[in-house]
C-alpha atoms as a PDB file:
ATOM      1  CA  MET A   1       0.091  -0.005   0.019  1.00  0.00           C
ATOM      2  CA  PRO A   2       1.558   3.367  -0.793  1.00  0.00           C
ATOM      3  CA  ALA A   3       1.021   5.685   1.997  1.00  0.00           C
ATOM      4  CA  ARG A   4       1.696   2.751   4.232  1.00  0.00           C
ATOM      5  CA  ARG A   5       5.311   2.372   2.196  1.00  0.00           C
ATOM      6  CA  HIS A   6       5.646   6.528   2.158  1.00  0.00           C
ATOM      7  CA  ALA A   7       5.163   6.499   6.233  1.00  0.00           C
ATOM      8  CA  ILE A   8       7.033   2.946   7.151  1.00  0.00           C
ATOM      9  CA  ALA A   9       9.941   5.096   4.885  1.00  0.00           C
ATOM     10  CA  THR A  10       9.670   8.607   6.724  1.00  0.00           C
ATOM     11  CA  LEU A  11      10.329   6.821   9.866  1.00  0.00           C
ATOM     12  CA  ALA A  12      13.092   4.601   8.877  1.00  0.00           C
ATOM     13  CA  ALA A  13      14.571   7.369   6.988  1.00  0.00           C
ATOM     14  CA  LEU A  14      15.068   9.269  10.385  1.00  0.00           C
ATOM     15  CA  GLY A  15      15.977   6.154  11.924  1.00  0.00           C
ATOM     16  CA  LEU A  16      17.981   6.674  15.419  1.00  0.00           C
ATOM     17  CA  ALA A  17      20.478   8.535  14.496  1.00  0.00           C
ATOM     18  CA  LEU A  18      22.117  10.406  17.400  1.00  0.00           C
ATOM     19  CA  THR A  19      23.574  14.037  17.181  1.00  0.00           C
ATOM     20  CA  PHE A  20      26.735  12.786  18.936  1.00  0.00           C
ATOM     21  CA  THR A  21      29.795  10.957  17.417  1.00  0.00           C
ATOM     22  CA  VAL A  22      31.262   8.145  19.690  1.00  0.00           C
ATOM     23  CA  GLY A  23      34.392  10.843  20.634  1.00  0.00           C
ATOM     24  CA  GLN A  24      32.116  13.670  21.244  1.00  0.00           C
ATOM     25  CA  ALA A  25      29.835  11.370  23.566  1.00  0.00           C
ATOM     26  CA  GLN A  26      33.135  10.357  25.807  1.00  0.00           C
ATOM     27  CA  THR A  27      33.138  14.420  26.553  1.00  0.00           C
ATOM     28  CA  LEU A  28      29.709  14.290  28.585  1.00  0.00           C
ATOM     29  CA  THR A  29      29.250  14.234  32.316  1.00  0.00           C
ATOM     30  CA  PRO A  30      27.332  11.743  33.156  1.00  0.00           C
ATOM     31  CA  ALA A  31      24.137  13.693  33.737  1.00  0.00           C
ATOM     32  CA  GLN A  32      24.918  14.728  29.999  1.00  0.00           C
ATOM     33  CA  SER A  33      24.653  11.334  28.861  1.00  0.00           C
ATOM     34  CA  GLU A  34      21.856   9.980  31.129  1.00  0.00           C
ATOM     35  CA  ALA A  35      20.031  12.868  29.406  1.00  0.00           C
ATOM     36  CA  GLN A  36      21.172  12.093  25.729  1.00  0.00           C
ATOM     37  CA  ALA A  37      19.936   8.303  26.710  1.00  0.00           C
ATOM     38  CA  ALA A  38      16.127   9.374  27.964  1.00  0.00           C
ATOM     39  CA  TYR A  39      15.816  11.228  24.689  1.00  0.00           C
ATOM     40  CA  ASP A  40      16.780   8.345  22.219  1.00  0.00           C
ATOM     41  CA  ARG A  41      14.620   6.294  24.215  1.00  0.00           C
ATOM     42  CA  ALA A  42      11.929   8.880  24.580  1.00  0.00           C
ATOM     43  CA  LEU A  43      12.243   9.606  20.732  1.00  0.00           C
ATOM     44  CA  ALA A  44      12.454   5.473  19.721  1.00  0.00           C
ATOM     45  CA  ASP A  45       9.036   4.881  21.846  1.00  0.00           C
ATOM     46  CA  PHE A  46       7.511   7.984  19.806  1.00  0.00           C
ATOM     47  CA  LYS A  47       8.364   6.604  16.690  1.00  0.00           C
ATOM     48  CA  SER A  48       6.824   2.879  17.792  1.00  0.00           C
ATOM     49  CA  ILE A  49       3.804   4.076  18.827  1.00  0.00           C
ATOM     50  CA  LEU A  50       3.168   5.785  15.379  1.00  0.00           C
ATOM     51  CA  ALA A  51       3.982   2.676  13.298  1.00  0.00           C
ATOM     52  CA  GLU A  52       2.160   0.715  15.325  1.00  0.00           C
ATOM     53  CA  ARG A  53      -1.144   3.010  14.812  1.00  0.00           C
ATOM     54  CA  ARG A  54      -0.647   3.443  11.344  1.00  0.00           C
ATOM     55  CA  ARG A  55       0.185  -0.525  10.862  1.00  0.00           C
ATOM     56  CA  GLN A  56      -3.074  -0.940  13.078  1.00  0.00           C
ATOM     57  CA  ILE A  57      -5.181   1.846  10.748  1.00  0.00           C
ATOM     58  CA  GLU A  58      -4.071   0.135   7.030  1.00  0.00           C
ATOM     59  CA  ALA A  59      -4.782  -3.295   8.588  1.00  0.00           C
ATOM     60  CA  LYS A  60      -8.038  -2.133   9.116  1.00  0.00           C
ATOM     61  CA  GLU A  61      -7.938  -3.474  12.736  1.00  0.00           C
ATOM     62  CA  PRO A  62     -10.262  -2.368  16.045  1.00  0.00           C
ATOM     63  CA  LEU A  63      -7.956   0.419  17.995  1.00  0.00           C
ATOM     64  CA  PRO A  64      -8.056   0.380  21.416  1.00  0.00           C
ATOM     65  CA  ASN A  65      -9.897   3.005  23.078  1.00  0.00           C
ATOM     66  CA  LEU A  66      -8.816   6.150  23.466  1.00  0.00           C
ATOM     67  CA  PRO A  67      -6.239   5.541  20.823  1.00  0.00           C
ATOM     68  CA  GLY A  68      -4.565   8.721  20.807  1.00  0.00           C
ATOM     69  CA  GLN A  69      -4.027   8.975  24.395  1.00  0.00           C
ATOM     70  CA  ALA A  70      -0.853   6.858  24.246  1.00  0.00           C
ATOM     71  CA  LEU A  71       0.164   8.547  20.805  1.00  0.00           C
ATOM     72  CA  TYR A  72       0.114  12.100  22.883  1.00  0.00           C
ATOM     73  CA  LEU A  73       1.759  11.202  26.033  1.00  0.00           C
ATOM     74  CA  ALA A  74       4.609   9.391  23.976  1.00  0.00           C
ATOM     75  CA  ARG A  75       4.920  12.807  22.376  1.00  0.00           C
ATOM     76  CA  VAL A  76       4.795  14.943  25.501  1.00  0.00           C
ATOM     77  CA  ALA A  77       7.388  12.334  26.885  1.00  0.00           C
ATOM     78  CA  MET A  78       9.931  13.256  23.662  1.00  0.00           C
ATOM     79  CA  ILE A  79       9.130  16.986  23.655  1.00  0.00           C
ATOM     80  CA  SER A  80      10.003  17.157  27.456  1.00  0.00           C
ATOM     81  CA  ALA A  81      12.720  14.562  26.969  1.00  0.00           C
ATOM     82  CA  TYR A  82      14.600  17.206  24.688  1.00  0.00           C
ATOM     83  CA  LYS A  83      14.129  20.006  27.058  1.00  0.00           C
ATOM     84  CA  ASP A  84      16.063  18.172  29.415  1.00  0.00           C
ATOM     85  CA  LEU A  85      18.411  17.274  26.938  1.00  0.00           C
ATOM     86  CA  THR A  86      19.097  21.029  26.017  1.00  0.00           C
ATOM     87  CA  ASP A  87      18.754  22.209  29.792  1.00  0.00           C
ATOM     88  CA  ALA A  88      21.987  19.695  30.293  1.00  0.00           C
ATOM     89  CA  ILE A  89      23.824  20.201  26.950  1.00  0.00           C
ATOM     90  CA  PRO A  90      22.643  23.825  25.578  1.00  0.00           C
ATOM     91  CA  SER A  91      24.513  23.401  22.323  1.00  0.00           C
ATOM     92  CA  ARG A  92      21.996  20.822  21.451  1.00  0.00           C
ATOM     93  CA  ILE A  93      19.450  23.373  20.539  1.00  0.00           C
ATOM     94  CA  GLY A  94      19.006  23.555  17.216  1.00  0.00           C
ATOM     95  CA  LYS A  95      17.827  25.782  14.411  1.00  0.00           C
ATOM     96  CA  PRO A  96      13.769  27.206  14.060  1.00  0.00           C
ATOM     97  CA  ASN A  97      10.980  24.523  12.987  1.00  0.00           C
ATOM     98  CA  LYS A  98       7.765  24.813  11.174  1.00  0.00           C
ATOM     99  CA  PHE A  99       5.497  24.616  14.044  1.00  0.00           C
ATOM    100  CA  GLY A 100       6.783  27.493  16.039  1.00  0.00           C
ATOM    101  CA  ILE A 101       7.700  25.543  18.931  1.00  0.00           C
ATOM    102  CA  PRO A 102      10.499  27.095  20.559  1.00  0.00           C
ATOM    103  CA  PRO A 103      14.069  25.537  19.251  1.00  0.00           C
ATOM    104  CA  ALA A 104      14.931  24.371  23.475  1.00  0.00           C
ATOM    105  CA  TYR A 105      12.043  21.710  23.473  1.00  0.00           C
ATOM    106  CA  PHE A 106      12.493  20.190  19.656  1.00  0.00           C
ATOM    107  CA  ASP A 107      14.758  19.318  17.357  1.00  0.00           C
ATOM    108  CA  ALA A 108      13.622  20.478  13.731  1.00  0.00           C
ATOM    109  CA  ALA A 109      15.269  17.161  11.918  1.00  0.00           C
ATOM    110  CA  ILE A 110      11.918  15.526  13.090  1.00  0.00           C
ATOM    111  CA  GLU A 111       9.189  17.557  11.949  1.00  0.00           C
ATOM    112  CA  PRO A 112       8.806  14.806   9.627  1.00  0.00           C
ATOM    113  CA  LEU A 113       7.072  12.378  12.899  1.00  0.00           C
ATOM    114  CA  VAL A 114       4.970  15.070  13.866  1.00  0.00           C
ATOM    115  CA  ASP A 115       3.501  15.544  10.266  1.00  0.00           C
ATOM    116  CA  GLU A 116       2.861  11.769  10.872  1.00  0.00           C
ATOM    117  CA  TYR A 117       1.462  12.256  14.479  1.00  0.00           C
ATOM    118  CA  ALA A 118      -0.943  14.901  12.888  1.00  0.00           C
ATOM    119  CA  ASP A 119      -2.056  12.644   9.823  1.00  0.00           C
ATOM    120  CA  ILE A 120      -2.722  10.040  12.252  1.00  0.00           C
ATOM    121  CA  PHE A 121      -5.016  11.916  14.673  1.00  0.00           C
ATOM    122  CA  GLU A 122      -6.632  13.208  11.229  1.00  0.00           C
ATOM    123  CA  ILE A 123      -7.743   9.858  10.714  1.00  0.00           C
ATOM    124  CA  MET A 124      -8.983   8.526  14.275  1.00  0.00           C
ATOM    125  CA  GLU A 125     -10.985  12.023  14.813  1.00  0.00           C
ATOM    126  CA  ALA A 126     -12.824  11.761  11.237  1.00  0.00           C
ATOM    127  CA  PRO A 127     -16.663  13.038  11.958  1.00  0.00           C
ATOM    128  CA  PRO A 128     -19.024  10.187  11.791  1.00  0.00           C
ATOM    129  CA  ALA A 129     -20.725   9.401   8.941  1.00  0.00           C
ATOM    130  CA  SER A 130     -24.221  11.142  10.797  1.00  0.00           C
ATOM    131  CA  ALA A 131     -22.487  14.261  10.874  1.00  0.00           C
ATOM    132  CA  GLN A 132     -23.773  17.496   9.791  1.00  0.00           C
ATOM    133  CA  ASN A 133     -21.469  19.606   8.221  1.00  0.00           C
ATOM    134  CA  SER A 134     -21.923  22.986   7.206  1.00  0.00           C
ATOM    135  CA  ALA A 135     -20.564  24.746   3.627  1.00  0.00           C
ATOM    136  CA  THR A 136     -19.376  27.792   5.292  1.00  0.00           C
ATOM    137  CA  PRO A 137     -17.761  26.369   9.312  1.00  0.00           C
ATOM    138  CA  PHE A 138     -15.438  29.143   9.368  1.00  0.00           C
ATOM    139  CA  ASN A 139     -17.723  31.892   8.548  1.00  0.00           C
ATOM    140  CA  ASP A 140     -20.647  30.109  10.929  1.00  0.00           C
ATOM    141  CA  VAL A 141     -18.192  30.711  13.903  1.00  0.00           C
ATOM    142  CA  ILE A 142     -17.394  34.180  13.045  1.00  0.00           C
ATOM    143  CA  ASP A 143     -20.964  34.929  12.685  1.00  0.00           C
ATOM    144  CA  LEU A 144     -21.721  33.217  15.840  1.00  0.00           C
ATOM    145  CA  GLY A 145     -19.250  34.818  17.735  1.00  0.00           C
ATOM    146  CA  THR A 146     -20.587  38.170  16.372  1.00  0.00           C
ATOM    147  CA  ALA A 147     -24.115  38.458  16.323  1.00  0.00           C
ATOM    148  CA  ILE A 148     -23.693  37.240  20.564  1.00  0.00           C
ATOM    149  CA  ALA A 149     -21.281  39.318  21.276  1.00  0.00           C
ATOM    150  CA  ARG A 150     -23.889  42.168  19.472  1.00  0.00           C
ATOM    151  CA  ALA A 151     -26.616  40.666  21.793  1.00  0.00           C
ATOM    152  CA  LYS A 152     -24.470  41.617  24.884  1.00  0.00           C
ATOM    153  CA  GLY A 153     -24.434  44.863  23.698  1.00  0.00           C
ATOM    154  CA  LEU A 154     -20.861  45.517  22.021  1.00  0.00           C
ATOM    155  CA  ALA A 155     -20.196  48.135  19.645  1.00  0.00           C
ATOM    156  CA  PRO A 156     -19.508  46.730  16.262  1.00  0.00           C
ATOM    157  CA  ALA A 157     -15.647  46.849  16.255  1.00  0.00           C
ATOM    158  CA  ASP A 158     -16.191  44.824  19.962  1.00  0.00           C
ATOM    159  CA  ALA A 159     -18.041  42.889  18.352  1.00  0.00           C
ATOM    160  CA  ALA A 160     -16.021  41.686  15.732  1.00  0.00           C
ATOM    161  CA  ALA A 161     -13.132  41.328  17.641  1.00  0.00           C
ATOM    162  CA  ALA A 162     -15.307  38.846  19.247  1.00  0.00           C
ATOM    163  CA  GLY A 163     -15.951  36.970  15.664  1.00  0.00           C
ATOM    164  CA  ARG A 164     -12.397  36.595  15.266  1.00  0.00           C
ATOM    165  CA  ILE A 165     -11.760  35.456  19.155  1.00  0.00           C
ATOM    166  CA  SER A 166     -14.237  32.670  18.181  1.00  0.00           C
ATOM    167  CA  LEU A 167     -12.630  31.823  15.275  1.00  0.00           C
ATOM    168  CA  GLY A 168      -9.176  31.191  17.075  1.00  0.00           C
ATOM    169  CA  LEU A 169     -11.204  29.037  19.573  1.00  0.00           C
ATOM    170  CA  PHE A 170     -12.645  26.809  16.784  1.00  0.00           C
ATOM    171  CA  TYR A 171      -8.723  26.496  15.834  1.00  0.00           C
ATOM    172  CA  ALA A 172      -7.522  25.882  19.020  1.00  0.00           C
ATOM    173  CA  GLU A 173      -9.908  23.023  19.710  1.00  0.00           C
ATOM    174  CA  THR A 174      -9.748  21.197  16.607  1.00  0.00           C
ATOM    175  CA  ASN A 175      -7.741  22.883  14.234  1.00  0.00           C
ATOM    176  CA  GLY A 176     -10.519  24.255  11.986  1.00  0.00           C
ATOM    177  CA  LYS A 177     -11.612  20.958  11.559  1.00  0.00           C
ATOM    178  CA  GLN A 178     -15.860  20.989  11.669  1.00  0.00           C
ATOM    179  CA  ASN A 179     -17.480  17.772  13.645  1.00  0.00           C
ATOM    180  CA  VAL A 180     -14.111  15.796  14.891  1.00  0.00           C
ATOM    181  CA  ARG A 181     -14.560  12.745  17.121  1.00  0.00           C
ATOM    182  CA  ASN A 182     -11.879  13.108  19.808  1.00  0.00           C
ATOM    183  CA  ALA A 183      -8.948  10.097  20.380  1.00  0.00           C
ATOM    184  CA  ARG A 184      -8.093  10.984  24.109  1.00  0.00           C
ATOM    185  CA  SER A 185     -11.854  11.403  25.174  1.00  0.00           C
ATOM    186  CA  ASN A 186     -15.097   9.683  25.323  1.00  0.00           C
ATOM    187  CA  THR A 187     -16.491  12.846  26.422  1.00  0.00           C
ATOM    188  CA  TYR A 188     -15.397  16.047  24.602  1.00  0.00           C
ATOM    189  CA  MET A 189     -17.089  16.287  20.629  1.00  0.00           C
ATOM    190  CA  GLY A 190     -17.575  18.309  17.970  1.00  0.00           C
ATOM    191  CA  SER A 191     -16.391  21.293  16.217  1.00  0.00           C
ATOM    192  CA  PHE A 192     -15.845  22.944  19.919  1.00  0.00           C
ATOM    193  CA  GLN A 193     -14.927  19.931  21.729  1.00  0.00           C
ATOM    194  CA  THR A 194     -17.945  19.844  24.477  1.00  0.00           C
ATOM    195  CA  GLY A 195     -19.254  17.713  26.551  1.00  0.00           C
ATOM    196  CA  PRO A 196     -22.860  16.630  26.655  1.00  0.00           C
ATOM    197  CA  SER A 197     -23.346  18.871  30.042  1.00  0.00           C
ATOM    198  CA  GLU A 198     -21.345  21.672  28.638  1.00  0.00           C
ATOM    199  CA  ASP A 199     -23.569  21.603  25.144  1.00  0.00           C
ATOM    200  CA  ARG A 200     -26.792  21.812  26.907  1.00  0.00           C
ATOM    201  CA  ASN A 201     -25.500  24.402  29.075  1.00  0.00           C
ATOM    202  CA  GLY A 202     -24.637  26.233  26.501  1.00  0.00           C
ATOM    203  CA  GLN A 203     -28.462  25.605  24.716  1.00  0.00           C
ATOM    204  CA  ARG A 204     -30.159  27.077  27.753  1.00  0.00           C
ATOM    205  CA  LYS A 205     -28.190  30.600  27.459  1.00  0.00           C
ATOM    206  CA  TRP A 206     -28.514  30.716  23.825  1.00  0.00           C
ATOM    207  CA  VAL A 207     -32.638  30.180  24.058  1.00  0.00           C
ATOM    208  CA  ALA A 208     -32.611  33.380  26.915  1.00  0.00           C
ATOM    209  CA  ILE A 209     -31.040  35.647  24.190  1.00  0.00           C
ATOM    210  CA  LYS A 210     -32.482  34.286  20.896  1.00  0.00           C
ATOM    211  CA  GLY A 211     -35.100  36.855  21.336  1.00  0.00           C
ATOM    212  CA  ALA A 212     -32.294  39.616  21.239  1.00  0.00           C
ATOM    213  CA  ILE A 213     -30.039  37.495  18.312  1.00  0.00           C
ATOM    214  CA  ALA A 214     -33.748  37.586  16.326  1.00  0.00           C
ATOM    215  CA  ALA A 215     -34.176  41.099  16.568  1.00  0.00           C
ATOM    216  CA  ALA A 216     -30.830  42.306  15.691  1.00  0.00           C
ATOM    217  CA  ASP A 217     -30.252  39.570  12.871  1.00  0.00           C
ATOM    218  CA  PRO A 218     -33.486  37.908  11.057  1.00  0.00           C
ATOM    219  CA  ALA A 219     -31.384  36.116   8.816  1.00  0.00           C
ATOM    220  CA  LEU A 220     -29.182  34.325  11.300  1.00  0.00           C
ATOM    221  CA  ASN A 221     -32.096  34.120  13.739  1.00  0.00           C
ATOM    222  CA  ALA A 222     -33.978  31.584  10.536  1.00  0.00           C
ATOM    223  CA  ARG A 223     -30.618  29.631   9.845  1.00  0.00           C
ATOM    224  CA  ASP A 224     -30.460  28.781  13.439  1.00  0.00           C
ATOM    225  CA  ASP A 225     -34.100  27.466  13.354  1.00  0.00           C
ATOM    226  CA  LYS A 226     -32.934  25.814  10.182  1.00  0.00           C
ATOM    227  CA  GLU A 227     -30.230  24.176  11.854  1.00  0.00           C
ATOM    228  CA  GLU A 228     -32.619  23.400  15.381  1.00  0.00           C
ATOM    229  CA  ALA A 229     -34.690  21.544  13.450  1.00  0.00           C
ATOM    230  CA  ARG A 230     -32.134  19.960  11.156  1.00  0.00           C
ATOM    231  CA  SER A 231     -30.291  17.942  14.571  1.00  0.00           C
ATOM    232  CA  ARG A 232     -33.528  17.394  16.464  1.00  0.00           C
ATOM    233  CA  GLY A 233     -32.894  13.466  17.721  1.00  0.00           C
ATOM    234  CA  THR A 234     -29.500  13.445  17.153  1.00  0.00           C
ATOM    235  CA  ASP A 235     -25.860  13.768  19.231  1.00  0.00           C
ATOM    236  CA  ARG A 236     -26.355  17.652  18.390  1.00  0.00           C
ATOM    237  CA  ARG A 237     -22.916  17.872  19.283  1.00  0.00           C
ATOM    238  CA  PHE A 238     -22.187  16.980  15.350  1.00  0.00           C
ATOM    239  CA  ASN A 239     -23.921  19.740  13.760  1.00  0.00           C
ATOM    240  CA  HIS A 240     -21.026  22.352  13.378  1.00  0.00           C
ATOM    241  CA  TRP A 241     -23.860  25.092  13.863  1.00  0.00           C
ATOM    242  CA  THR A 242     -25.333  24.021  16.929  1.00  0.00           C
ATOM    243  CA  ASN A 243     -22.163  22.798  18.710  1.00  0.00           C
ATOM    244  CA  VAL A 244     -19.945  26.317  18.226  1.00  0.00           C
ATOM    245  CA  ARG A 245     -23.185  28.410  18.847  1.00  0.00           C
ATOM    246  CA  ASP A 246     -23.706  26.156  22.096  1.00  0.00           C
ATOM    247  CA  GLY A 247     -19.738  25.902  22.990  1.00  0.00           C
ATOM    248  CA  LEU A 248     -19.294  29.995  23.005  1.00  0.00           C
ATOM    249  CA  MET A 249     -22.694  30.256  24.761  1.00  0.00           C
ATOM    250  CA  ASN A 250     -21.583  28.002  27.833  1.00  0.00           C
ATOM    251  CA  ALA A 251     -17.976  28.929  28.014  1.00  0.00           C
ATOM    252  CA  HIS A 252     -17.553  32.617  26.766  1.00  0.00           C
ATOM    253  CA  ALA A 253     -20.169  34.269  25.834  1.00  0.00           C
ATOM    254  CA  GLU A 254     -20.462  36.087  29.266  1.00  0.00           C
ATOM    255  CA  LEU A 255     -17.302  37.601  28.891  1.00  0.00           C
ATOM    256  CA  PHE A 256     -17.414  38.929  25.475  1.00  0.00           C
ATOM    257  CA  ALA A 257     -18.198  42.035  27.316  1.00  0.00           C
ATOM    258  CA  GLU A 258     -14.976  42.408  28.549  1.00  0.00           C
ATOM    259  CA  ILE A 259     -13.614  42.683  25.528  1.00  0.00           C
ATOM    260  CA  PRO A 260     -12.716  46.666  25.374  1.00  0.00           C
ATOM    261  CA  ALA A 261     -11.015  46.123  28.610  1.00  0.00           C
ATOM    262  CA  ILE A 262      -8.796  43.371  27.447  1.00  0.00           C
ATOM    263  CA  ALA A 263      -7.991  44.811  24.341  1.00  0.00           C
ATOM    264  CA  LYS A 264      -6.806  47.587  26.114  1.00  0.00           C
ATOM    265  CA  THR A 265      -4.647  44.953  28.512  1.00  0.00           C
ATOM    266  CA  LEU A 266      -3.639  42.661  25.811  1.00  0.00           C
ATOM    267  CA  PRO A 267      -3.754  44.702  21.949  1.00  0.00           C
ATOM    268  CA  ASP A 268      -2.198  41.883  20.369  1.00  0.00           C
ATOM    269  CA  PRO A 269      -5.597  39.637  18.853  1.00  0.00           C
ATOM    270  CA  ILE A 270      -3.219  36.232  19.377  1.00  0.00           C
ATOM    271  CA  GLU A 271      -2.849  37.241  22.886  1.00  0.00           C
ATOM    272  CA  GLN A 272      -6.766  37.667  23.192  1.00  0.00           C
ATOM    273  CA  MET A 273      -7.301  34.212  21.560  1.00  0.00           C
ATOM    274  CA  LYS A 274      -5.083  32.684  24.066  1.00  0.00           C
ATOM    275  CA  LEU A 275      -7.065  34.334  27.068  1.00  0.00           C
ATOM    276  CA  PHE A 276     -10.026  33.101  25.994  1.00  0.00           C
ATOM    277  CA  GLU A 277      -8.769  29.440  25.492  1.00  0.00           C
ATOM    278  CA  LEU A 278      -7.668  29.852  29.485  1.00  0.00           C
ATOM    279  CA  ILE A 279     -11.626  30.233  29.939  1.00  0.00           C
ATOM    280  CA  GLN A 280     -12.124  27.001  28.337  1.00  0.00           C
ATOM    281  CA  ILE A 281      -9.057  25.605  30.493  1.00  0.00           C
ATOM    282  CA  ILE A 282      -8.846  27.242  33.404  1.00  0.00           C
ATOM    283  CA  PRO A 283     -12.224  29.228  33.700  1.00  0.00           C
ATOM    284  CA  THR A 284     -12.501  30.002  37.720  1.00  0.00           C
ATOM    285  CA  PRO A 285      -8.684  31.630  38.073  1.00  0.00           C
ATOM    286  CA  THR A 286      -8.945  33.611  34.287  1.00  0.00           C
ATOM    287  CA  ARG A 287     -12.599  35.019  35.620  1.00  0.00           C
ATOM    288  CA  ALA A 288     -10.659  36.252  38.695  1.00  0.00           C
ATOM    289  CA  ALA A 289      -7.627  37.457  36.974  1.00  0.00           C
ATOM    290  CA  LEU A 290      -9.752  40.010  34.721  1.00  0.00           C
ATOM    291  CA  LYS A 291     -11.390  41.127  37.624  1.00  0.00           C
ATOM    292  CA  SER A 292      -8.191  42.061  39.792  1.00  0.00           C
ATOM    293  CA  GLY A 293      -7.600  45.248  37.807  1.00  0.00           C
ATOM    294  CA  ASP A 294      -4.256  43.586  37.155  1.00  0.00           C
ATOM    295  CA  LEU A 295      -4.501  40.695  34.512  1.00  0.00           C
ATOM    296  CA  LEU A 296      -1.082  40.170  33.378  1.00  0.00           C
ATOM    297  CA  ASN A 297       0.924  39.681  37.002  1.00  0.00           C
ATOM    298  CA  TYR A 298      -2.695  38.028  38.877  1.00  0.00           C
ATOM    299  CA  ARG A 299      -0.710  34.266  39.734  1.00  0.00           C
ATOM    300  CA  VAL A 300      -1.955  31.431  40.310  1.00  0.00           C
ATOM    301  CA  SER A 301      -0.272  28.513  42.873  1.00  0.00           C
ATOM    302  CA  SER A 302      -3.066  25.763  43.120  1.00  0.00           C
ATOM    303  CA  PRO A 303      -1.688  22.390  42.603  1.00  0.00           C
ATOM    304  CA  THR A 304      -5.007  21.336  40.757  1.00  0.00           C
ATOM    305  CA  ILE A 305      -4.860  24.473  38.520  1.00  0.00           C
ATOM    306  CA  MET A 306      -0.906  24.023  37.412  1.00  0.00           C
ATOM    307  CA  LYS A 307      -1.978  20.765  36.577  1.00  0.00           C
ATOM    308  CA  HIS A 308      -4.504  21.254  34.399  1.00  0.00           C
ATOM    309  CA  LEU A 309      -2.615  23.302  32.684  1.00  0.00           C
ATOM    310  CA  ARG A 310      -0.039  20.889  32.439  1.00  0.00           C
ATOM    311  CA  ASN A 311      -2.684  18.625  30.792  1.00  0.00           C
ATOM    312  CA  ASN A 312      -3.247  21.276  28.142  1.00  0.00           C
ATOM    313  CA  SER A 313       0.741  22.129  27.199  1.00  0.00           C
ATOM    314  CA  ILE A 314       1.142  24.637  29.463  1.00  0.00           C
ATOM    315  CA  PHE A 315       4.172  24.429  31.807  1.00  0.00           C
ATOM    316  CA  ALA A 316       4.031  20.472  30.713  1.00  0.00           C
ATOM    317  CA  PHE A 317       7.586  19.580  29.075  1.00  0.00           C
ATOM    318  CA  GLY A 318      10.667  19.230  30.588  1.00  0.00           C
ATOM    319  CA  LYS A 319      11.979  18.735  33.925  1.00  0.00           C
ATOM    320  CA  THR A 320      11.978  22.430  34.440  1.00  0.00           C
ATOM    321  CA  ASP A 321       8.710  23.583  33.714  1.00  0.00           C
ATOM    322  CA  ARG A 322       7.198  20.667  35.189  1.00  0.00           C
ATOM    323  CA  ALA A 323       8.436  21.770  38.689  1.00  0.00           C
ATOM    324  CA  ARG A 324       6.708  25.106  38.570  1.00  0.00           C
ATOM    325  CA  SER A 325       4.268  25.499  41.864  1.00  0.00           C
ATOM    326  CA  SER A 326       2.774  28.617  40.611  1.00  0.00           C
ATOM    327  CA  ALA A 327       3.001  31.257  37.227  1.00  0.00           C
ATOM    328  CA  SER A 328       1.513  34.623  36.674  1.00  0.00           C
ATOM    329  CA  PHE A 329      -1.037  34.833  33.610  1.00  0.00           C
ATOM    330  CA  ARG A 330       2.065  37.060  31.681  1.00  0.00           C
ATOM    331  CA  GLU A 331       3.586  34.040  32.610  1.00  0.00           C
ATOM    332  CA  ILE A 332       0.957  31.486  31.418  1.00  0.00           C
ATOM    333  CA  LEU A 333       0.231  33.617  28.218  1.00  0.00           C
ATOM    334  CA  GLY A 334       4.049  33.224  27.383  1.00  0.00           C
ATOM    335  CA  ALA A 335       4.400  29.594  27.579  1.00  0.00           C
ATOM    336  CA  MET A 336       1.271  28.849  25.216  1.00  0.00           C
ATOM    337  CA  TRP A 337       3.358  28.203  22.356  1.00  0.00           C
ATOM    338  CA  LEU A 338       1.460  25.373  20.898  1.00  0.00           C
ATOM    339  CA  PHE A 339      -1.721  27.647  20.651  1.00  0.00           C
ATOM    340  CA  LYS A 340       0.566  30.179  18.649  1.00  0.00           C
ATOM    341  CA  ARG A 341       0.608  28.482  15.351  1.00  0.00           C
ATOM    342  CA  LYS A 342      -2.878  27.419  15.604  1.00  0.00           C
ATOM    343  CA  PHE A 343      -3.751  31.268  16.522  1.00  0.00           C
ATOM    344  CA  GLU A 344      -1.888  32.714  13.480  1.00  0.00           C
ATOM    345  CA  LYS A 345      -3.865  30.442  11.246  1.00  0.00           C
ATOM    346  CA  ALA A 346      -7.169  31.661  12.099  1.00  0.00           C
ATOM    347  CA  MET A 347      -5.709  35.402  11.799  1.00  0.00           C
ATOM    348  CA  VAL A 348      -5.171  34.541   8.174  1.00  0.00           C
ATOM    349  CA  LYS A 349      -8.451  32.986   7.668  1.00  0.00           C
ATOM    350  CA  TYR A 350     -10.030  35.787   9.347  1.00  0.00           C
ATOM    351  CA  SER A 351      -8.365  38.479   7.398  1.00  0.00           C
ATOM    352  CA  GLN A 352      -9.323  36.044   4.172  1.00  0.00           C
ATOM    353  CA  LEU A 353     -13.106  36.185   5.426  1.00  0.00           C
ATOM    354  CA  ARG A 354     -13.115  39.314   5.945  1.00  0.00           C
ATOM    355  CA  GLY A 355     -10.971  41.356   4.077  1.00  0.00           C
ATOM    356  CA  ARG A 356      -8.842  42.698   6.565  1.00  0.00           C
END
């Protein structure tokens, strides 16, 4: 099978090539040698799980429950081991990579492995056959975010920012893919990756503002009625429109009113997207930080909150980052580098669709 031969060739070509020659390795301290060995093991494990999932998919074998979890954890372990390696041997920090990962955390030579990782996840998270797609998924996200913000009383420019932020959240949750499943969870599904209770909560909140939506934008309200009828009797999280709508209403809409103040503190649109993603990840501390009057210097130190951040790829890689017991929001935003590339894609798409 051509795809399988290509995947195997990609993995084989990367091999287990070590940067150091035998002569160089002899100059390493015991701690440096162990850091090198730990990274080699983590890299080999990541390759092994990648190859196993590819083989299972192409052989059409049943996948294990949560087939992406072991793959995700192997990727985390690999990046962590590389950060520990570059902490021990700073000369191992190499060139920039296309994913925008800081070079101290990632060896650009293994970019093809991460491409393979993304390809496998896309297969494992393909929408179910019953999914109700939209022909205009990106515009739907922008339109819903904008309409909700207007219903909350925002001026046009701030409502437009809400639409742009909403598009960023779509990319953060699914990389801009509609109606996807989740290879790491049996709970969170759909374009905005909501659980059943979050979806129901968002629906209730939507009903409360639907009159204001209908008065301000009859065309959008008519589209909503159509999608509501279409999704009846199904898992509404696999209707793109209703999942985006209810996801925004559940977690983000109540803070759209804060956008003018947020924009003064965080004028960069990508930083605004990061903050709204934190509403999804650590909602209570983020709301407290916004109310504090000193957002960027507001510090969190709860072990539970730090765990939530690490579970979402923030302070997750390497012994130094994982040892953190607290962080300010300035530090948290700075550590969200895995989200930055997704938000940049959202900015490009927004510019294409809205012409600015």
